[in-house]
Amino acid sequence: MARAAGLARLVAGHFADNPASGRVLAKAGFRPTGEVAMRYSAGRDGHAPCAEFVLELAPGAECRAGAELAVA
């Protein structure tokens, strides 16, 4: 859907104390940027470190096989 909408990149992140979410992002084709930012978390009732990831969607950008999600 993002490619169809003309977006060139998607950004996402996961809280540092939840590495399983980082593995899910990696399996979906996202790559870590190496940046960590403080983000608000309602579940934590405060700010916590969040590792940032990016997925390049531009034509010619590297994309892992099987990383695309089908939309019905």
PDB file of N, CA and C in Angstrom:
ATOM      1  N   MET A   1       0.820  -1.184   0.000  1.00  0.00           N
ATOM      2  CA  MET A   1       0.000   0.000   0.000  1.00  0.00           C
ATOM      3  C   MET A   1       0.868   1.252   0.000  1.00  0.00           C
ATOM      4  N   ALA A   2       1.966   1.195   0.752  1.00  0.00           N
ATOM      5  CA  ALA A   2       2.840   2.368   0.822  1.00  0.00           C
ATOM      6  C   ALA A   2       3.452   2.676  -0.545  1.00  0.00           C
ATOM      7  N   ARG A   3       3.886   1.632  -1.252  1.00  0.00           N
ATOM      8  CA  ARG A   3       4.438   1.850  -2.603  1.00  0.00           C
ATOM      9  C   ARG A   3       3.369   2.419  -3.528  1.00  0.00           C
ATOM     10  N   ALA A   4       2.162   1.878  -3.446  1.00  0.00           N
ATOM     11  CA  ALA A   4       1.068   2.361  -4.291  1.00  0.00           C
ATOM     12  C   ALA A   4       0.738   3.820  -3.989  1.00  0.00           C
ATOM     13  N   ALA A   5       0.948   4.235  -2.750  1.00  0.00           N
ATOM     14  CA  ALA A   5       0.687   5.618  -2.362  1.00  0.00           C
ATOM     15  C   ALA A   5       1.846   6.541  -2.737  1.00  0.00           C
ATOM     16  N   GLY A   6       2.937   5.971  -3.274  1.00  0.00           N
ATOM     17  CA  GLY A   6       4.067   6.773  -3.711  1.00  0.00           C
ATOM     18  C   GLY A   6       5.067   7.120  -2.623  1.00  0.00           C
ATOM     19  N   LEU A   7       5.002   6.437  -1.495  1.00  0.00           N
ATOM     20  CA  LEU A   7       5.948   6.710  -0.423  1.00  0.00           C
ATOM     21  C   LEU A   7       7.314   6.110  -0.764  1.00  0.00           C
ATOM     22  N   ALA A   8       8.378   6.825  -0.446  1.00  0.00           N
ATOM     23  CA  ALA A   8       9.732   6.377  -0.758  1.00  0.00           C
ATOM     24  C   ALA A   8      10.355   5.572   0.380  1.00  0.00           C
ATOM     25  N   ARG A   9       9.866   5.782   1.617  1.00  0.00           N
ATOM     26  CA  ARG A   9      10.432   5.062   2.753  1.00  0.00           C
ATOM     27  C   ARG A   9       9.424   5.022   3.894  1.00  0.00           C
ATOM     28  N   LEU A  10       9.574   3.983   4.710  1.00  0.00           N
ATOM     29  CA  LEU A  10       8.792   3.848   5.937  1.00  0.00           C
ATOM     30  C   LEU A  10       9.768   3.847   7.101  1.00  0.00           C
ATOM     31  N   VAL A  11       9.372   4.465   8.187  1.00  0.00           N
ATOM     32  CA  VAL A  11      10.180   4.436   9.401  1.00  0.00           C
ATOM     33  C   VAL A  11       9.371   3.790  10.504  1.00  0.00           C
ATOM     34  N   ALA A  12      10.060   3.077  11.379  1.00  0.00           N
ATOM     35  CA  ALA A  12       9.411   2.386  12.491  1.00  0.00           C
ATOM     36  C   ALA A  12      10.421   2.287  13.615  1.00  0.00           C
ATOM     37  N   GLY A  13       9.975   1.782  14.729  1.00  0.00           N
ATOM     38  CA  GLY A  13      10.891   1.602  15.839  1.00  0.00           C
ATOM     39  C   GLY A  13      10.338   0.623  16.844  1.00  0.00           C
ATOM     40  N   HIS A  14      11.210   0.226  17.757  1.00  0.00           N
ATOM     41  CA  HIS A  14      10.775  -0.636  18.857  1.00  0.00           C
ATOM     42  C   HIS A  14      11.487  -0.192  20.119  1.00  0.00           C
ATOM     43  N   PHE A  15      10.815  -0.346  21.243  1.00  0.00           N
ATOM     44  CA  PHE A  15      11.420   0.026  22.508  1.00  0.00           C
ATOM     45  C   PHE A  15      12.549  -0.937  22.825  1.00  0.00           C
ATOM     46  N   ALA A  16      13.621  -0.404  23.383  1.00  0.00           N
ATOM     47  CA  ALA A  16      14.845  -1.175  23.616  1.00  0.00           C
ATOM     48  C   ALA A  16      14.609  -2.401  24.487  1.00  0.00           C
ATOM     49  N   ASP A  17      13.620  -2.339  25.366  1.00  0.00           N
ATOM     50  CA  ASP A  17      13.359  -3.485  26.240  1.00  0.00           C
ATOM     51  C   ASP A  17      12.440  -4.520  25.589  1.00  0.00           C
ATOM     52  N   ASN A  18      12.216  -4.386  24.268  1.00  0.00           N
ATOM     53  CA  ASN A  18      11.362  -5.322  23.532  1.00  0.00           C
ATOM     54  C   ASN A  18      12.059  -5.736  22.229  1.00  0.00           C
ATOM     55  N   PRO A  19      13.161  -6.481  22.316  1.00  0.00           N
ATOM     56  CA  PRO A  19      13.904  -6.846  21.106  1.00  0.00           C
ATOM     57  C   PRO A  19      13.119  -7.748  20.154  1.00  0.00           C
ATOM     58  N   ALA A  20      12.103  -8.439  20.627  1.00  0.00           N
ATOM     59  CA  ALA A  20      11.294  -9.281  19.733  1.00  0.00           C
ATOM     60  C   ALA A  20      10.638  -8.431  18.648  1.00  0.00           C
ATOM     61  N   SER A  21      10.227  -7.233  18.983  1.00  0.00           N
ATOM     62  CA  SER A  21       9.633  -6.345  17.973  1.00  0.00           C
ATOM     63  C   SER A  21      10.661  -5.954  16.926  1.00  0.00           C
ATOM     64  N   GLY A  22      11.918  -5.811  17.326  1.00  0.00           N
ATOM     65  CA  GLY A  22      12.975  -5.525  16.363  1.00  0.00           C
ATOM     66  C   GLY A  22      13.166  -6.675  15.395  1.00  0.00           C
ATOM     67  N   ARG A  23      13.033  -7.903  15.881  1.00  0.00           N
ATOM     68  CA  ARG A  23      13.156  -9.063  14.990  1.00  0.00           C
ATOM     69  C   ARG A  23      12.003  -9.108  13.993  1.00  0.00           C
ATOM     70  N   VAL A  24      10.816  -8.727  14.426  1.00  0.00           N
ATOM     71  CA  VAL A  24       9.662  -8.675  13.516  1.00  0.00           C
ATOM     72  C   VAL A  24       9.916  -7.629  12.431  1.00  0.00           C
ATOM     73  N   LEU A  25      10.406  -6.462  12.806  1.00  0.00           N
ATOM     74  CA  LEU A  25      10.712  -5.423  11.815  1.00  0.00           C
ATOM     75  C   LEU A  25      11.758  -5.917  10.818  1.00  0.00           C
ATOM     76  N   ALA A  26      12.797  -6.588  11.306  1.00  0.00           N
ATOM     77  CA  ALA A  26      13.848  -7.100  10.416  1.00  0.00           C
ATOM     78  C   ALA A  26      13.283  -8.131   9.448  1.00  0.00           C
ATOM     79  N   LYS A  27      12.414  -9.013   9.912  1.00  0.00           N
ATOM     80  CA  LYS A  27      11.805 -10.013   9.025  1.00  0.00           C
ATOM     81  C   LYS A  27      10.928  -9.366   7.966  1.00  0.00           C
ATOM     82  N   ALA A  28      10.375  -8.195   8.268  1.00  0.00           N
ATOM     83  CA  ALA A  28       9.542  -7.468   7.306  1.00  0.00           C
ATOM     84  C   ALA A  28      10.381  -6.632   6.341  1.00  0.00           C
ATOM     85  N   GLY A  29      11.722  -6.677   6.497  1.00  0.00           N
ATOM     86  CA  GLY A  29      12.593  -5.963   5.566  1.00  0.00           C
ATOM     87  C   GLY A  29      13.140  -4.651   6.083  1.00  0.00           C
ATOM     88  N   PHE A  30      12.745  -4.232   7.282  1.00  0.00           N
ATOM     89  CA  PHE A  30      13.272  -2.998   7.850  1.00  0.00           C
ATOM     90  C   PHE A  30      14.720  -3.206   8.275  1.00  0.00           C
ATOM     91  N   ARG A  31      15.509  -2.140   8.212  1.00  0.00           N
ATOM     92  CA  ARG A  31      16.911  -2.170   8.612  1.00  0.00           C
ATOM     93  C   ARG A  31      17.127  -1.169   9.739  1.00  0.00           C
ATOM     94  N   PRO A  32      17.937  -1.527  10.745  1.00  0.00           N
ATOM     95  CA  PRO A  32      18.209  -0.570  11.827  1.00  0.00           C
ATOM     96  C   PRO A  32      19.013   0.614  11.322  1.00  0.00           C
ATOM     97  N   THR A  33      18.694   1.806  11.815  1.00  0.00           N
ATOM     98  CA  THR A  33      19.427   3.010  11.431  1.00  0.00           C
ATOM     99  C   THR A  33      20.616   3.263  12.351  1.00  0.00           C
ATOM    100  N   GLY A  34      20.638   2.608  13.510  1.00  0.00           N
ATOM    101  CA  GLY A  34      21.663   2.868  14.501  1.00  0.00           C
ATOM    102  C   GLY A  34      21.301   4.008  15.437  1.00  0.00           C
ATOM    103  N   GLU A  35      20.180   4.637  15.180  1.00  0.00           N
ATOM    104  CA  GLU A  35      19.708   5.757  16.003  1.00  0.00           C
ATOM    105  C   GLU A  35      18.804   5.239  17.117  1.00  0.00           C
ATOM    106  N   VAL A  36      18.916   5.840  18.287  1.00  0.00           N
ATOM    107  CA  VAL A  36      18.025   5.548  19.412  1.00  0.00           C
ATOM    108  C   VAL A  36      17.471   6.881  19.887  1.00  0.00           C
ATOM    109  N   ALA A  37      16.156   6.968  20.000  1.00  0.00           N
ATOM    110  CA  ALA A  37      15.507   8.204  20.428  1.00  0.00           C
ATOM    111  C   ALA A  37      14.572   7.903  21.588  1.00  0.00           C
ATOM    112  N   MET A  38      14.374   8.883  22.418  1.00  0.00           N
ATOM    113  CA  MET A  38      13.421   8.736  23.515  1.00  0.00           C
ATOM    114  C   MET A  38      12.016   8.978  22.973  1.00  0.00           C
ATOM    115  N   ARG A  39      11.125   8.028  23.186  1.00  0.00           N
ATOM    116  CA  ARG A  39       9.736   8.121  22.716  1.00  0.00           C
ATOM    117  C   ARG A  39       8.800   7.870  23.893  1.00  0.00           C
ATOM    118  N   TYR A  40       7.644   8.516  23.835  1.00  0.00           N
ATOM    119  CA  TYR A  40       6.658   8.310  24.902  1.00  0.00           C
ATOM    120  C   TYR A  40       5.980   6.956  24.726  1.00  0.00           C
ATOM    121  N   SER A  41       5.784   6.265  25.827  1.00  0.00           N
ATOM    122  CA  SER A  41       5.083   4.987  25.845  1.00  0.00           C
ATOM    123  C   SER A  41       3.983   5.051  26.895  1.00  0.00           C
ATOM    124  N   ALA A  42       2.737   4.931  26.459  1.00  0.00           N
ATOM    125  CA  ALA A  42       1.618   4.941  27.400  1.00  0.00           C
ATOM    126  C   ALA A  42       1.711   3.749  28.349  1.00  0.00           C
ATOM    127  N   GLY A  43       2.121   2.589  27.833  1.00  0.00           N
ATOM    128  CA  GLY A  43       2.228   1.388  28.657  1.00  0.00           C
ATOM    129  C   GLY A  43       3.297   1.511  29.731  1.00  0.00           C
ATOM    130  N   ARG A  44       4.294   2.330  29.466  1.00  0.00           N
ATOM    131  CA  ARG A  44       5.375   2.528  30.432  1.00  0.00           C
ATOM    132  C   ARG A  44       5.149   3.790  31.254  1.00  0.00           C
ATOM    133  N   ASP A  45       4.131   4.554  30.886  1.00  0.00           N
ATOM    134  CA  ASP A  45       3.780   5.815  31.545  1.00  0.00           C
ATOM    135  C   ASP A  45       4.973   6.775  31.599  1.00  0.00           C
ATOM    136  N   GLY A  46       5.668   6.848  30.474  1.00  0.00           N
ATOM    137  CA  GLY A  46       6.803   7.761  30.393  1.00  0.00           C
ATOM    138  C   GLY A  46       7.604   7.524  29.133  1.00  0.00           C
ATOM    139  N   HIS A  47       8.726   8.190  29.043  1.00  0.00           N
ATOM    140  CA  HIS A  47       9.605   8.055  27.880  1.00  0.00           C
ATOM    141  C   HIS A  47      10.561   6.887  28.073  1.00  0.00           C
ATOM    142  N   ALA A  48      10.901   6.246  26.957  1.00  0.00           N
ATOM    143  CA  ALA A  48      11.827   5.109  26.972  1.00  0.00           C
ATOM    144  C   ALA A  48      12.623   5.123  25.674  1.00  0.00           C
ATOM    145  N   PRO A  49      13.817   4.522  25.670  1.00  0.00           N
ATOM    146  CA  PRO A  49      14.623   4.488  24.441  1.00  0.00           C
ATOM    147  C   PRO A  49      13.982   3.605  23.373  1.00  0.00           C
ATOM    148  N   CYS A  50      13.980   4.120  22.151  1.00  0.00           N
ATOM    149  CA  CYS A  50      13.350   3.444  21.013  1.00  0.00           C
ATOM    150  C   CYS A  50      14.379   3.345  19.884  1.00  0.00           C
ATOM    151  N   ALA A  51      14.669   2.125  19.444  1.00  0.00           N
ATOM    152  CA  ALA A  51      15.596   1.893  18.328  1.00  0.00           C
ATOM    153  C   ALA A  51      14.845   2.141  17.019  1.00  0.00           C
ATOM    154  N   GLU A  52      15.432   2.933  16.141  1.00  0.00           N
ATOM    155  CA  GLU A  52      14.770   3.305  14.894  1.00  0.00           C
ATOM    156  C   GLU A  52      15.190   2.406  13.736  1.00  0.00           C
ATOM    157  N   PHE A  53      14.222   2.115  12.856  1.00  0.00           N
ATOM    158  CA  PHE A  53      14.411   1.274  11.680  1.00  0.00           C
ATOM    159  C   PHE A  53      13.852   2.000  10.466  1.00  0.00           C
ATOM    160  N   VAL A  54      14.305   1.606   9.273  1.00  0.00           N
ATOM    161  CA  VAL A  54      13.823   2.196   8.031  1.00  0.00           C
ATOM    162  C   VAL A  54      13.648   1.100   6.977  1.00  0.00           C
ATOM    163  N   LEU A  55      12.679   1.302   6.112  1.00  0.00           N
ATOM    164  CA  LEU A  55      12.459   0.431   4.953  1.00  0.00           C
ATOM    165  C   LEU A  55      12.382   1.329   3.732  1.00  0.00           C
ATOM    166  N   GLU A  56      13.372   1.188   2.836  1.00  0.00           N
ATOM    167  CA  GLU A  56      13.406   1.986   1.614  1.00  0.00           C
ATOM    168  C   GLU A  56      12.464   1.367   0.590  1.00  0.00           C
ATOM    169  N   LEU A  57      11.581   2.171   0.021  1.00  0.00           N
ATOM    170  CA  LEU A  57      10.600   1.688  -0.947  1.00  0.00           C
ATOM    171  C   LEU A  57      10.847   2.219  -2.349  1.00  0.00           C
ATOM    172  N   ALA A  58      11.799   3.118  -2.485  1.00  0.00           N
ATOM    173  CA  ALA A  58      12.058   3.742  -3.777  1.00  0.00           C
ATOM    174  C   ALA A  58      12.448   2.682  -4.805  1.00  0.00           C
ATOM    175  N   PRO A  59      12.149   2.910  -6.080  1.00  0.00           N
ATOM    176  CA  PRO A  59      12.551   1.957  -7.120  1.00  0.00           C
ATOM    177  C   PRO A  59      14.052   1.714  -7.066  1.00  0.00           C
ATOM    178  N   GLY A  60      14.434   0.452  -7.180  1.00  0.00           N
ATOM    179  CA  GLY A  60      15.836   0.096  -7.145  1.00  0.00           C
ATOM    180  C   GLY A  60      16.377  -0.103  -5.743  1.00  0.00           C
ATOM    181  N   ALA A  61      15.582   0.220  -4.711  1.00  0.00           N
ATOM    182  CA  ALA A  61      16.041   0.013  -3.335  1.00  0.00           C
ATOM    183  C   ALA A  61      16.068  -1.479  -3.053  1.00  0.00           C
ATOM    184  N   GLU A  62      17.015  -1.880  -2.236  1.00  0.00           N
ATOM    185  CA  GLU A  62      17.171  -3.294  -1.897  1.00  0.00           C
ATOM    186  C   GLU A  62      15.951  -3.779  -1.127  1.00  0.00           C
ATOM    187  N   CYS A  63      15.426  -4.934  -1.521  1.00  0.00           N
ATOM    188  CA  CYS A  63      14.253  -5.508  -0.854  1.00  0.00           C
ATOM    189  C   CYS A  63      14.454  -7.010  -0.756  1.00  0.00           C
ATOM    190  N   ARG A  64      14.342  -7.554   0.438  1.00  0.00           N
ATOM    191  CA  ARG A  64      14.493  -8.985   0.630  1.00  0.00           C
ATOM    192  C   ARG A  64      13.310  -9.732   0.046  1.00  0.00           C
ATOM    193  N   ALA A  65      13.580 -10.877  -0.538  1.00  0.00           N
ATOM    194  CA  ALA A  65      12.496 -11.724  -1.042  1.00  0.00           C
ATOM    195  C   ALA A  65      11.634 -12.162   0.106  1.00  0.00           C
ATOM    196  N   GLY A  66      10.338 -12.096  -0.070  1.00  0.00           N
ATOM    197  CA  GLY A  66       9.403 -12.511   0.955  1.00  0.00           C
ATOM    198  C   GLY A  66       9.120 -11.445   1.991  1.00  0.00           C
ATOM    199  N   ALA A  67       9.721 -10.249   1.848  1.00  0.00           N
ATOM    200  CA  ALA A  67       9.520  -9.211   2.839  1.00  0.00           C
ATOM    201  C   ALA A  67       8.253  -8.397   2.583  1.00  0.00           C
ATOM    202  N   GLU A  68       7.629  -8.606   1.443  1.00  0.00           N
ATOM    203  CA  GLU A  68       6.428  -7.843   1.122  1.00  0.00           C
ATOM    204  C   GLU A  68       5.215  -8.503   1.752  1.00  0.00           C
ATOM    205  N   LEU A  69       4.283  -7.679   2.154  1.00  0.00           N
ATOM    206  CA  LEU A  69       3.044  -8.188   2.737  1.00  0.00           C
ATOM    207  C   LEU A  69       1.929  -8.080   1.712  1.00  0.00           C
ATOM    208  N   ALA A  70       1.148  -9.099   1.582  1.00  0.00           N
ATOM    209  CA  ALA A  70       0.021  -9.083   0.645  1.00  0.00           C
ATOM    210  C   ALA A  70      -1.142  -8.339   1.287  1.00  0.00           C
ATOM    211  N   VAL A  71      -1.832  -7.548   0.491  1.00  0.00           N
ATOM    212  CA  VAL A  71      -2.996  -6.810   0.968  1.00  0.00           C
ATOM    213  C   VAL A  71      -4.196  -7.281   0.172  1.00  0.00           C
ATOM    214  N   ALA A  72      -5.198  -7.728   0.870  1.00  0.00           N
ATOM    215  CA  ALA A  72      -6.401  -8.229   0.189  1.00  0.00           C
ATOM    216  C   ALA A  72      -7.367  -7.115  -0.102  1.00  0.00           C
TER     217      ALA A  72
END
